Amino acid sequence: MFPITFLLLSALAALPGRASDLAPDPQDFAQNCANCHTIGGGRLTGPDLKDVSGRRDKEWLLKFVVDPKKMLDGGDPVAAELYKAHNNVLMPTIAGMNAARVEQLLALIDAESRLEKSRFSGLELINRPLLPGDVLDGKALFLGRKPLKNGGPSCVSCHSVGGMSGLGGGLLGPDLTGVFARLGGEKTLAAWLISPASPIMKPVYAARQLDPRDILPLVAFLKDAAQQGRPADSIARLAFLILGLLGAAALYVVLDSLWGARLRGVRRSMVNKRSEAHDV
């Protein structure tokens, strides 16, 4: 009987949704939460989550973490209060988030909250004053004149920032002139850059996470851009788009010249053979 009972219990424990599957998952928190939240380290882009289970109703937490936008759009007063209190920055909806994962995250937060110091109390990425040399280095990194240490794409491929000369930057992402103030300063911007929550940036930098040595100069550059207060030049951004379209058209012409004659020759041969068959 014992072996059979043991096997039955093991099988039941392996079923999805049971307590054994709700063990805390530090990696999930590190990848999806730590860029905007600490546990006991103070506010970043979002609130400090230490003892959050004691401050918020569990059912509300389950619904909010699964789909923050739905809660805000639905007129939830707590969601609206948080949105306003955190510079109108809405928590992104995390792909694949569900009630079971929220349970895991809450279990982790509760466990970390009981520690004297959580491992998620915050990274000290900004550990010295920002210098003029950091601004210059950050500009070179932003524009791609200097490569990022882990090989990620430069910021200018998707973003613009005030004061850029020439064609400006990409149009896929927002103008970053005011991002320093919008996210709340050096500490919060640095934490966001170490693991961007953007649904576009996140997969791009998943395997090429920004190196802390690149983050400090980028923060310095974006802080300087915010202090200058000059928005990105809309004409330059339009020129960037037009140049991209012209480049695509030129590439099409080149490819057509290389392969078009060959393809037309193949079609002509097939048509001739078909005509000869009909003549017979």
C-alpha atoms as a PDB file:
ATOM      1  CA  MET A   1       0.000   0.000   0.000  1.00  0.00           C
ATOM      2  CA  PHE A   2       2.768   2.434   0.826  1.00  0.00           C
ATOM      3  CA  PRO A   3       4.304   2.566  -2.680  1.00  0.00           C
ATOM      4  CA  ILE A   4       0.851   3.051  -4.252  1.00  0.00           C
ATOM      5  CA  THR A   5      -0.047   5.815  -1.785  1.00  0.00           C
ATOM      6  CA  PHE A   6       3.290   7.488  -2.359  1.00  0.00           C
ATOM      7  CA  LEU A   7       2.807   7.413  -6.137  1.00  0.00           C
ATOM      8  CA  LEU A   8      -0.719   8.833  -5.838  1.00  0.00           C
ATOM      9  CA  LEU A   9       0.453  11.678  -3.616  1.00  0.00           C
ATOM     10  CA  SER A  10       3.323  12.442  -5.982  1.00  0.00           C
ATOM     11  CA  ALA A  11       0.977  12.540  -8.945  1.00  0.00           C
ATOM     12  CA  LEU A  12      -1.440  14.854  -7.136  1.00  0.00           C
ATOM     13  CA  ALA A  13       1.385  17.167  -6.101  1.00  0.00           C
ATOM     14  CA  ALA A  14       2.423  17.487  -9.747  1.00  0.00           C
ATOM     15  CA  LEU A  15      -1.008  18.659 -10.899  1.00  0.00           C
ATOM     16  CA  PRO A  16      -1.059  22.323 -12.052  1.00  0.00           C
ATOM     17  CA  GLY A  17      -2.423  24.888  -9.663  1.00  0.00           C
ATOM     18  CA  ARG A  18      -1.584  23.037  -6.470  1.00  0.00           C
ATOM     19  CA  ALA A  19       0.342  24.578  -3.577  1.00  0.00           C
ATOM     20  CA  SER A  20       3.523  22.766  -4.595  1.00  0.00           C
ATOM     21  CA  ASP A  21       3.510  24.778  -7.862  1.00  0.00           C
ATOM     22  CA  LEU A  22       3.176  28.104  -6.039  1.00  0.00           C
ATOM     23  CA  ALA A  23       6.734  28.217  -4.725  1.00  0.00           C
ATOM     24  CA  PRO A  24       8.327  31.681  -4.874  1.00  0.00           C
ATOM     25  CA  ASP A  25      10.105  32.359  -8.166  1.00  0.00           C
ATOM     26  CA  PRO A  26      12.920  34.947  -7.730  1.00  0.00           C
ATOM     27  CA  GLN A  27      13.717  34.949 -11.451  1.00  0.00           C
ATOM     28  CA  ASP A  28      10.178  36.005 -12.375  1.00  0.00           C
ATOM     29  CA  PHE A  29      10.367  38.951  -9.985  1.00  0.00           C
ATOM     30  CA  ALA A  30      13.880  39.907 -11.162  1.00  0.00           C
ATOM     31  CA  GLN A  31      12.871  39.932 -14.829  1.00  0.00           C
ATOM     32  CA  ASN A  32       9.417  41.472 -14.605  1.00  0.00           C
ATOM     33  CA  CYS A  33       9.166  43.509 -11.398  1.00  0.00           C
ATOM     34  CA  ALA A  34      12.564  44.614 -10.087  1.00  0.00           C
ATOM     35  CA  ASN A  35      13.025  47.262 -12.775  1.00  0.00           C
ATOM     36  CA  CYS A  36      10.130  49.292 -11.282  1.00  0.00           C
ATOM     37  CA  HIS A  37       9.779  47.997  -7.708  1.00  0.00           C
ATOM     38  CA  THR A  38      11.945  47.237  -4.691  1.00  0.00           C
ATOM     39  CA  ILE A  39      11.130  45.191  -1.621  1.00  0.00           C
ATOM     40  CA  GLY A  40      12.183  47.433   1.235  1.00  0.00           C
ATOM     41  CA  GLY A  41      14.408  49.727  -0.824  1.00  0.00           C
ATOM     42  CA  GLY A  42      11.991  52.585  -1.396  1.00  0.00           C
ATOM     43  CA  ARG A  43      10.004  53.788  -4.347  1.00  0.00           C
ATOM     44  CA  LEU A  44      11.230  53.490  -7.931  1.00  0.00           C
ATOM     45  CA  THR A  45       8.910  53.990 -10.908  1.00  0.00           C
ATOM     46  CA  GLY A  46       6.356  52.022  -8.909  1.00  0.00           C
ATOM     47  CA  PRO A  47       5.801  51.715  -5.146  1.00  0.00           C
ATOM     48  CA  ASP A  48       7.954  49.753  -2.698  1.00  0.00           C
ATOM     49  CA  LEU A  49       6.301  46.323  -2.401  1.00  0.00           C
ATOM     50  CA  LYS A  50       7.440  45.477   1.136  1.00  0.00           C
ATOM     51  CA  ASP A  51       4.416  44.115   3.059  1.00  0.00           C
ATOM     52  CA  VAL A  52       2.111  44.872   0.105  1.00  0.00           C
ATOM     53  CA  SER A  53      -0.135  41.948   1.071  1.00  0.00           C
ATOM     54  CA  GLY A  54      -0.923  43.782   4.291  1.00  0.00           C
ATOM     55  CA  ARG A  55      -1.759  47.031   2.490  1.00  0.00           C
ATOM     56  CA  ARG A  56      -3.880  45.712  -0.370  1.00  0.00           C
ATOM     57  CA  ASP A  57      -6.673  43.163  -0.614  1.00  0.00           C
ATOM     58  CA  LYS A  58      -5.425  39.932  -2.166  1.00  0.00           C
ATOM     59  CA  GLU A  59      -8.245  39.704  -4.714  1.00  0.00           C
ATOM     60  CA  TRP A  60      -7.488  43.248  -5.840  1.00  0.00           C
ATOM     61  CA  LEU A  61      -3.777  42.401  -6.204  1.00  0.00           C
ATOM     62  CA  LEU A  62      -4.570  39.324  -8.284  1.00  0.00           C
ATOM     63  CA  LYS A  63      -6.739  41.308 -10.696  1.00  0.00           C
ATOM     64  CA  PHE A  64      -4.445  44.325 -10.898  1.00  0.00           C
ATOM     65  CA  VAL A  65      -1.193  42.466 -11.556  1.00  0.00           C
ATOM     66  CA  VAL A  66      -2.816  40.315 -14.253  1.00  0.00           C
ATOM     67  CA  ASP A  67      -4.186  43.339 -16.176  1.00  0.00           C
ATOM     68  CA  PRO A  68      -3.398  46.823 -14.791  1.00  0.00           C
ATOM     69  CA  LYS A  69      -4.787  48.633 -17.852  1.00  0.00           C
ATOM     70  CA  LYS A  70      -8.153  46.885 -17.571  1.00  0.00           C
ATOM     71  CA  MET A  71      -8.403  47.954 -13.922  1.00  0.00           C
ATOM     72  CA  LEU A  72      -7.507  51.571 -14.745  1.00  0.00           C
ATOM     73  CA  ASP A  73      -9.830  51.740 -17.766  1.00  0.00           C
ATOM     74  CA  GLY A  74     -12.589  50.209 -15.657  1.00  0.00           C
ATOM     75  CA  GLY A  75     -12.451  53.133 -13.215  1.00  0.00           C
ATOM     76  CA  ASP A  76     -10.930  51.314 -10.246  1.00  0.00           C
ATOM     77  CA  PRO A  77     -10.205  54.114  -7.715  1.00  0.00           C
ATOM     78  CA  VAL A  78      -7.057  52.495  -6.279  1.00  0.00           C
ATOM     79  CA  ALA A  79      -5.587  51.946  -9.745  1.00  0.00           C
ATOM     80  CA  ALA A  80      -6.372  55.570 -10.632  1.00  0.00           C
ATOM     81  CA  GLU A  81      -4.745  56.802  -7.415  1.00  0.00           C
ATOM     82  CA  LEU A  82      -1.569  54.795  -8.082  1.00  0.00           C
ATOM     83  CA  TYR A  83      -1.434  56.018 -11.684  1.00  0.00           C
ATOM     84  CA  LYS A  84      -1.630  59.644 -10.598  1.00  0.00           C
ATOM     85  CA  ALA A  85       0.820  59.222  -7.715  1.00  0.00           C
ATOM     86  CA  HIS A  86       3.473  57.709  -9.990  1.00  0.00           C
ATOM     87  CA  ASN A  87       3.675  60.389 -12.686  1.00  0.00           C
ATOM     88  CA  ASN A  88       0.960  58.827 -14.866  1.00  0.00           C
ATOM     89  CA  VAL A  89       3.165  55.815 -15.594  1.00  0.00           C
ATOM     90  CA  LEU A  90       0.968  52.748 -16.029  1.00  0.00           C
ATOM     91  CA  MET A  91       2.292  49.381 -14.981  1.00  0.00           C
ATOM     92  CA  PRO A  92       2.688  47.298 -18.186  1.00  0.00           C
ATOM     93  CA  THR A  93       0.688  44.138 -18.710  1.00  0.00           C
ATOM     94  CA  ILE A  94       3.173  41.254 -18.452  1.00  0.00           C
ATOM     95  CA  ALA A  95       2.857  38.611 -21.150  1.00  0.00           C
ATOM     96  CA  GLY A  96       1.530  35.328 -19.799  1.00  0.00           C
ATOM     97  CA  MET A  97       0.678  36.757 -16.371  1.00  0.00           C
ATOM     98  CA  ASN A  98      -2.097  34.852 -14.627  1.00  0.00           C
ATOM     99  CA  ALA A  99      -3.449  34.271 -11.140  1.00  0.00           C
ATOM    100  CA  ALA A 100      -1.053  31.387 -10.432  1.00  0.00           C
ATOM    101  CA  ARG A 101       2.003  33.515 -11.272  1.00  0.00           C
ATOM    102  CA  VAL A 102       0.683  36.379  -9.146  1.00  0.00           C
ATOM    103  CA  GLU A 103       0.317  33.937  -6.252  1.00  0.00           C
ATOM    104  CA  GLN A 104       3.969  32.977  -6.727  1.00  0.00           C
ATOM    105  CA  LEU A 105       5.085  36.594  -6.802  1.00  0.00           C
ATOM    106  CA  LEU A 106       3.064  37.481  -3.706  1.00  0.00           C
ATOM    107  CA  ALA A 107       4.548  34.509  -1.854  1.00  0.00           C
ATOM    108  CA  LEU A 108       8.024  35.721  -2.793  1.00  0.00           C
ATOM    109  CA  ILE A 109       7.272  39.308  -1.726  1.00  0.00           C
ATOM    110  CA  ASP A 110       5.882  38.110   1.607  1.00  0.00           C
ATOM    111  CA  ALA A 111       8.982  35.989   2.248  1.00  0.00           C
ATOM    112  CA  GLU A 112      11.371  38.791   1.262  1.00  0.00           C
ATOM    113  CA  SER A 113       9.419  41.295   3.371  1.00  0.00           C
ATOM    114  CA  ARG A 114      10.120  39.246   6.487  1.00  0.00           C
ATOM    115  CA  LEU A 115      13.894  39.455   5.947  1.00  0.00           C
ATOM    116  CA  GLU A 116      16.025  42.137   7.549  1.00  0.00           C
ATOM    117  CA  LYS A 117      17.164  43.095   4.038  1.00  0.00           C
ATOM    118  CA  SER A 118      15.632  41.716   0.855  1.00  0.00           C
ATOM    119  CA  ARG A 119      17.787  40.758  -2.110  1.00  0.00           C
ATOM    120  CA  PHE A 120      15.439  43.061  -4.045  1.00  0.00           C
ATOM    121  CA  SER A 121      16.034  46.142  -1.928  1.00  0.00           C
ATOM    122  CA  GLY A 122      17.502  47.872  -4.991  1.00  0.00           C
ATOM    123  CA  LEU A 123      20.684  48.003  -7.036  1.00  0.00           C
ATOM    124  CA  GLU A 124      23.205  50.763  -6.399  1.00  0.00           C
ATOM    125  CA  LEU A 125      23.787  51.663 -10.028  1.00  0.00           C
ATOM    126  CA  ILE A 126      24.284  55.375  -9.379  1.00  0.00           C
ATOM    127  CA  ASN A 127      27.034  55.392  -6.773  1.00  0.00           C
ATOM    128  CA  ARG A 128      28.782  58.688  -7.561  1.00  0.00           C
ATOM    129  CA  PRO A 129      27.944  62.167  -8.900  1.00  0.00           C
ATOM    130  CA  LEU A 130      27.318  62.394 -12.631  1.00  0.00           C
ATOM    131  CA  LEU A 131      30.064  64.284 -14.480  1.00  0.00           C
ATOM    132  CA  PRO A 132      30.237  66.187 -17.813  1.00  0.00           C
ATOM    133  CA  GLY A 133      32.339  63.331 -19.203  1.00  0.00           C
ATOM    134  CA  ASP A 134      29.486  60.929 -18.426  1.00  0.00           C
ATOM    135  CA  VAL A 135      27.134  63.069 -20.535  1.00  0.00           C
ATOM    136  CA  LEU A 136      29.487  62.858 -23.526  1.00  0.00           C
ATOM    137  CA  ASP A 137      29.900  59.093 -23.103  1.00  0.00           C
ATOM    138  CA  GLY A 138      26.139  58.681 -22.782  1.00  0.00           C
ATOM    139  CA  LYS A 139      25.538  60.665 -25.957  1.00  0.00           C
ATOM    140  CA  ALA A 140      28.017  58.461 -27.855  1.00  0.00           C
ATOM    141  CA  LEU A 141      26.221  55.337 -26.570  1.00  0.00           C
ATOM    142  CA  PHE A 142      22.783  56.756 -27.366  1.00  0.00           C
ATOM    143  CA  LEU A 143      23.784  57.639 -30.943  1.00  0.00           C
ATOM    144  CA  GLY A 144      25.619  54.370 -31.560  1.00  0.00           C
ATOM    145  CA  ARG A 145      28.994  56.047 -32.009  1.00  0.00           C
ATOM    146  CA  LYS A 146      30.173  53.883 -29.145  1.00  0.00           C
ATOM    147  CA  PRO A 147      28.840  50.295 -28.919  1.00  0.00           C
ATOM    148  CA  LEU A 148      27.012  49.010 -25.881  1.00  0.00           C
ATOM    149  CA  LYS A 149      29.182  46.544 -23.998  1.00  0.00           C
ATOM    150  CA  ASN A 150      26.740  43.640 -24.322  1.00  0.00           C
ATOM    151  CA  GLY A 151      26.046  44.265 -28.003  1.00  0.00           C
ATOM    152  CA  GLY A 152      22.505  45.613 -27.817  1.00  0.00           C
ATOM    153  CA  PRO A 153      21.155  48.062 -30.414  1.00  0.00           C
ATOM    154  CA  SER A 154      21.755  51.765 -29.819  1.00  0.00           C
ATOM    155  CA  CYS A 155      18.921  53.925 -28.515  1.00  0.00           C
ATOM    156  CA  VAL A 156      18.818  56.148 -31.615  1.00  0.00           C
ATOM    157  CA  SER A 157      17.527  53.256 -33.729  1.00  0.00           C
ATOM    158  CA  CYS A 158      14.125  53.666 -32.029  1.00  0.00           C
ATOM    159  CA  HIS A 159      14.219  56.967 -30.087  1.00  0.00           C
ATOM    160  CA  SER A 160      14.925  60.660 -30.442  1.00  0.00           C
ATOM    161  CA  VAL A 161      15.986  63.158 -27.816  1.00  0.00           C
ATOM    162  CA  GLY A 162      16.096  66.950 -27.708  1.00  0.00           C
ATOM    163  CA  GLY A 163      19.142  68.677 -29.169  1.00  0.00           C
ATOM    164  CA  MET A 164      20.074  65.932 -31.641  1.00  0.00           C
ATOM    165  CA  SER A 165      21.482  67.197 -34.913  1.00  0.00           C
ATOM    166  CA  GLY A 166      21.100  65.771 -38.395  1.00  0.00           C
ATOM    167  CA  LEU A 167      18.179  63.420 -38.998  1.00  0.00           C
ATOM    168  CA  GLY A 168      17.241  62.910 -35.384  1.00  0.00           C
ATOM    169  CA  GLY A 169      16.372  59.402 -34.234  1.00  0.00           C
ATOM    170  CA  GLY A 170      13.975  56.549 -34.829  1.00  0.00           C
ATOM    171  CA  LEU A 171      10.206  56.748 -34.682  1.00  0.00           C
ATOM    172  CA  LEU A 172       9.384  53.322 -33.221  1.00  0.00           C
ATOM    173  CA  GLY A 173       9.827  54.519 -29.613  1.00  0.00           C
ATOM    174  CA  PRO A 174       8.858  57.774 -27.871  1.00  0.00           C
ATOM    175  CA  ASP A 175      10.925  60.950 -27.627  1.00  0.00           C
ATOM    176  CA  LEU A 176      13.093  60.507 -24.512  1.00  0.00           C
ATOM    177  CA  THR A 177      13.741  64.183 -23.758  1.00  0.00           C
ATOM    178  CA  GLY A 178      11.529  64.144 -20.686  1.00  0.00           C
ATOM    179  CA  VAL A 179      11.966  60.520 -19.572  1.00  0.00           C
ATOM    180  CA  PHE A 180      14.330  61.457 -16.714  1.00  0.00           C
ATOM    181  CA  ALA A 181      11.677  63.552 -14.981  1.00  0.00           C
ATOM    182  CA  ARG A 182       8.797  61.287 -15.990  1.00  0.00           C
ATOM    183  CA  LEU A 183      10.332  58.231 -14.340  1.00  0.00           C
ATOM    184  CA  GLY A 184      11.433  60.160 -11.267  1.00  0.00           C
ATOM    185  CA  GLY A 185      15.186  60.726 -11.379  1.00  0.00           C
ATOM    186  CA  GLU A 186      18.524  58.948 -11.497  1.00  0.00           C
ATOM    187  CA  LYS A 187      17.727  55.913  -9.376  1.00  0.00           C
ATOM    188  CA  THR A 188      14.436  55.058 -11.049  1.00  0.00           C
ATOM    189  CA  LEU A 189      15.719  55.610 -14.592  1.00  0.00           C
ATOM    190  CA  ALA A 190      18.780  53.432 -13.901  1.00  0.00           C
ATOM    191  CA  ALA A 191      16.593  50.651 -12.492  1.00  0.00           C
ATOM    192  CA  TRP A 192      14.323  50.828 -15.541  1.00  0.00           C
ATOM    193  CA  LEU A 193      17.265  50.628 -17.968  1.00  0.00           C
ATOM    194  CA  ILE A 194      18.722  47.518 -16.322  1.00  0.00           C
ATOM    195  CA  SER A 195      15.569  45.601 -17.329  1.00  0.00           C
ATOM    196  CA  PRO A 196      13.207  47.619 -19.562  1.00  0.00           C
ATOM    197  CA  ALA A 197       9.543  46.785 -19.076  1.00  0.00           C
ATOM    198  CA  SER A 198       8.535  47.950 -22.553  1.00  0.00           C
ATOM    199  CA  PRO A 199       6.944  45.112 -24.572  1.00  0.00           C
ATOM    200  CA  ILE A 200       9.173  46.089 -27.510  1.00  0.00           C
ATOM    201  CA  MET A 201      12.440  46.624 -25.635  1.00  0.00           C
ATOM    202  CA  LYS A 202      12.143  43.664 -23.316  1.00  0.00           C
ATOM    203  CA  PRO A 203      12.649  40.878 -25.902  1.00  0.00           C
ATOM    204  CA  VAL A 204      15.331  42.919 -27.703  1.00  0.00           C
ATOM    205  CA  TYR A 205      17.478  43.295 -24.588  1.00  0.00           C
ATOM    206  CA  ALA A 206      16.606  39.970 -22.949  1.00  0.00           C
ATOM    207  CA  ALA A 207      19.870  38.401 -24.105  1.00  0.00           C
ATOM    208  CA  ARG A 208      21.798  41.694 -24.242  1.00  0.00           C
ATOM    209  CA  GLN A 209      20.970  43.336 -20.943  1.00  0.00           C
ATOM    210  CA  LEU A 210      22.507  46.774 -20.564  1.00  0.00           C
ATOM    211  CA  ASP A 211      25.792  46.655 -18.697  1.00  0.00           C
ATOM    212  CA  PRO A 212      25.830  48.799 -15.502  1.00  0.00           C
ATOM    213  CA  ARG A 213      28.886  50.596 -16.942  1.00  0.00           C
ATOM    214  CA  ASP A 214      26.704  51.822 -19.808  1.00  0.00           C
ATOM    215  CA  ILE A 215      23.742  52.760 -17.645  1.00  0.00           C
ATOM    216  CA  LEU A 216      25.423  55.547 -15.669  1.00  0.00           C
ATOM    217  CA  PRO A 217      26.476  57.571 -18.763  1.00  0.00           C
ATOM    218  CA  LEU A 218      23.074  57.016 -20.416  1.00  0.00           C
ATOM    219  CA  VAL A 219      21.359  58.343 -17.292  1.00  0.00           C
ATOM    220  CA  ALA A 220      23.730  61.332 -17.316  1.00  0.00           C
ATOM    221  CA  PHE A 221      22.935  62.068 -20.967  1.00  0.00           C
ATOM    222  CA  LEU A 222      19.160  61.777 -20.493  1.00  0.00           C
ATOM    223  CA  LYS A 223      19.321  63.929 -17.361  1.00  0.00           C
ATOM    224  CA  ASP A 224      21.206  66.597 -19.321  1.00  0.00           C
ATOM    225  CA  ALA A 225      18.640  66.378 -22.150  1.00  0.00           C
ATOM    226  CA  ALA A 226      15.826  66.913 -19.656  1.00  0.00           C
ATOM    227  CA  GLN A 227      17.597  69.927 -18.149  1.00  0.00           C
ATOM    228  CA  GLN A 228      18.088  71.438 -21.610  1.00  0.00           C
ATOM    229  CA  GLY A 229      14.358  71.036 -22.157  1.00  0.00           C
ATOM    230  CA  ARG A 230      14.459  70.971 -25.964  1.00  0.00           C
ATOM    231  CA  PRO A 231      12.064  68.433 -27.526  1.00  0.00           C
ATOM    232  CA  ALA A 232      13.154  66.372 -30.484  1.00  0.00           C
ATOM    233  CA  ASP A 233      12.920  68.165 -33.832  1.00  0.00           C
ATOM    234  CA  SER A 234       9.781  66.889 -35.568  1.00  0.00           C
ATOM    235  CA  ILE A 235      11.153  67.876 -38.995  1.00  0.00           C
ATOM    236  CA  ALA A 236      14.310  65.843 -38.379  1.00  0.00           C
ATOM    237  CA  ARG A 237      12.226  62.862 -37.291  1.00  0.00           C
ATOM    238  CA  LEU A 238      10.139  63.137 -40.464  1.00  0.00           C
ATOM    239  CA  ALA A 239      13.342  63.309 -42.521  1.00  0.00           C
ATOM    240  CA  PHE A 240      14.537  60.146 -40.746  1.00  0.00           C
ATOM    241  CA  LEU A 241      11.332  58.365 -41.825  1.00  0.00           C
ATOM    242  CA  ILE A 242      11.516  59.647 -45.412  1.00  0.00           C
ATOM    243  CA  LEU A 243      15.161  58.604 -45.721  1.00  0.00           C
ATOM    244  CA  GLY A 244      14.241  55.119 -44.493  1.00  0.00           C
ATOM    245  CA  LEU A 245      11.479  54.812 -47.100  1.00  0.00           C
ATOM    246  CA  LEU A 246      13.799  56.045 -49.852  1.00  0.00           C
ATOM    247  CA  GLY A 247      16.429  53.541 -48.732  1.00  0.00           C
ATOM    248  CA  ALA A 248      13.886  50.719 -48.903  1.00  0.00           C
ATOM    249  CA  ALA A 249      12.827  51.829 -52.397  1.00  0.00           C
ATOM    250  CA  ALA A 250      16.461  51.960 -53.546  1.00  0.00           C
ATOM    251  CA  LEU A 251      17.066  48.461 -52.184  1.00  0.00           C
ATOM    252  CA  TYR A 252      14.021  47.190 -54.091  1.00  0.00           C
ATOM    253  CA  VAL A 253      15.363  48.691 -57.340  1.00  0.00           C
ATOM    254  CA  VAL A 254      18.779  47.083 -56.811  1.00  0.00           C
ATOM    255  CA  LEU A 255      17.272  43.664 -56.087  1.00  0.00           C
ATOM    256  CA  ASP A 256      14.961  43.957 -59.087  1.00  0.00           C
ATOM    257  CA  SER A 257      17.907  44.756 -61.355  1.00  0.00           C
ATOM    258  CA  LEU A 258      19.813  41.734 -60.038  1.00  0.00           C
ATOM    259  CA  TRP A 259      17.005  39.179 -60.043  1.00  0.00           C
ATOM    260  CA  GLY A 260      14.217  40.636 -62.169  1.00  0.00           C
ATOM    261  CA  ALA A 261      15.741  39.776 -65.557  1.00  0.00           C
ATOM    262  CA  ARG A 262      16.438  36.230 -64.434  1.00  0.00           C
ATOM    263  CA  LEU A 263      12.871  35.697 -63.234  1.00  0.00           C
ATOM    264  CA  ARG A 264      11.403  37.241 -66.394  1.00  0.00           C
ATOM    265  CA  GLY A 265      13.667  34.957 -68.481  1.00  0.00           C
ATOM    266  CA  VAL A 266      12.334  31.890 -66.663  1.00  0.00           C
ATOM    267  CA  ARG A 267       8.735  32.982 -67.197  1.00  0.00           C
ATOM    268  CA  ARG A 268       9.398  33.696 -70.898  1.00  0.00           C
ATOM    269  CA  SER A 269      10.864  30.231 -71.375  1.00  0.00           C
ATOM    270  CA  MET A 270       7.828  28.624 -69.715  1.00  0.00           C
ATOM    271  CA  VAL A 271       5.436  30.642 -71.883  1.00  0.00           C
ATOM    272  CA  ASN A 272       7.309  29.681 -75.066  1.00  0.00           C
ATOM    273  CA  LYS A 273       7.224  25.992 -74.196  1.00  0.00           C
ATOM    274  CA  ARG A 274       3.499  26.179 -73.499  1.00  0.00           C
ATOM    275  CA  SER A 275       2.879  27.943 -76.830  1.00  0.00           C
ATOM    276  CA  GLU A 276       4.888  25.298 -78.704  1.00  0.00           C
ATOM    277  CA  ALA A 277       2.852  22.548 -77.048  1.00  0.00           C
ATOM    278  CA  HIS A 278      -0.416  24.192 -78.164  1.00  0.00           C
ATOM    279  CA  ASP A 279       0.923  24.567 -81.744  1.00  0.00           C
ATOM    280  CA  VAL A 280       1.600  20.832 -81.884  1.00  0.00           C
END
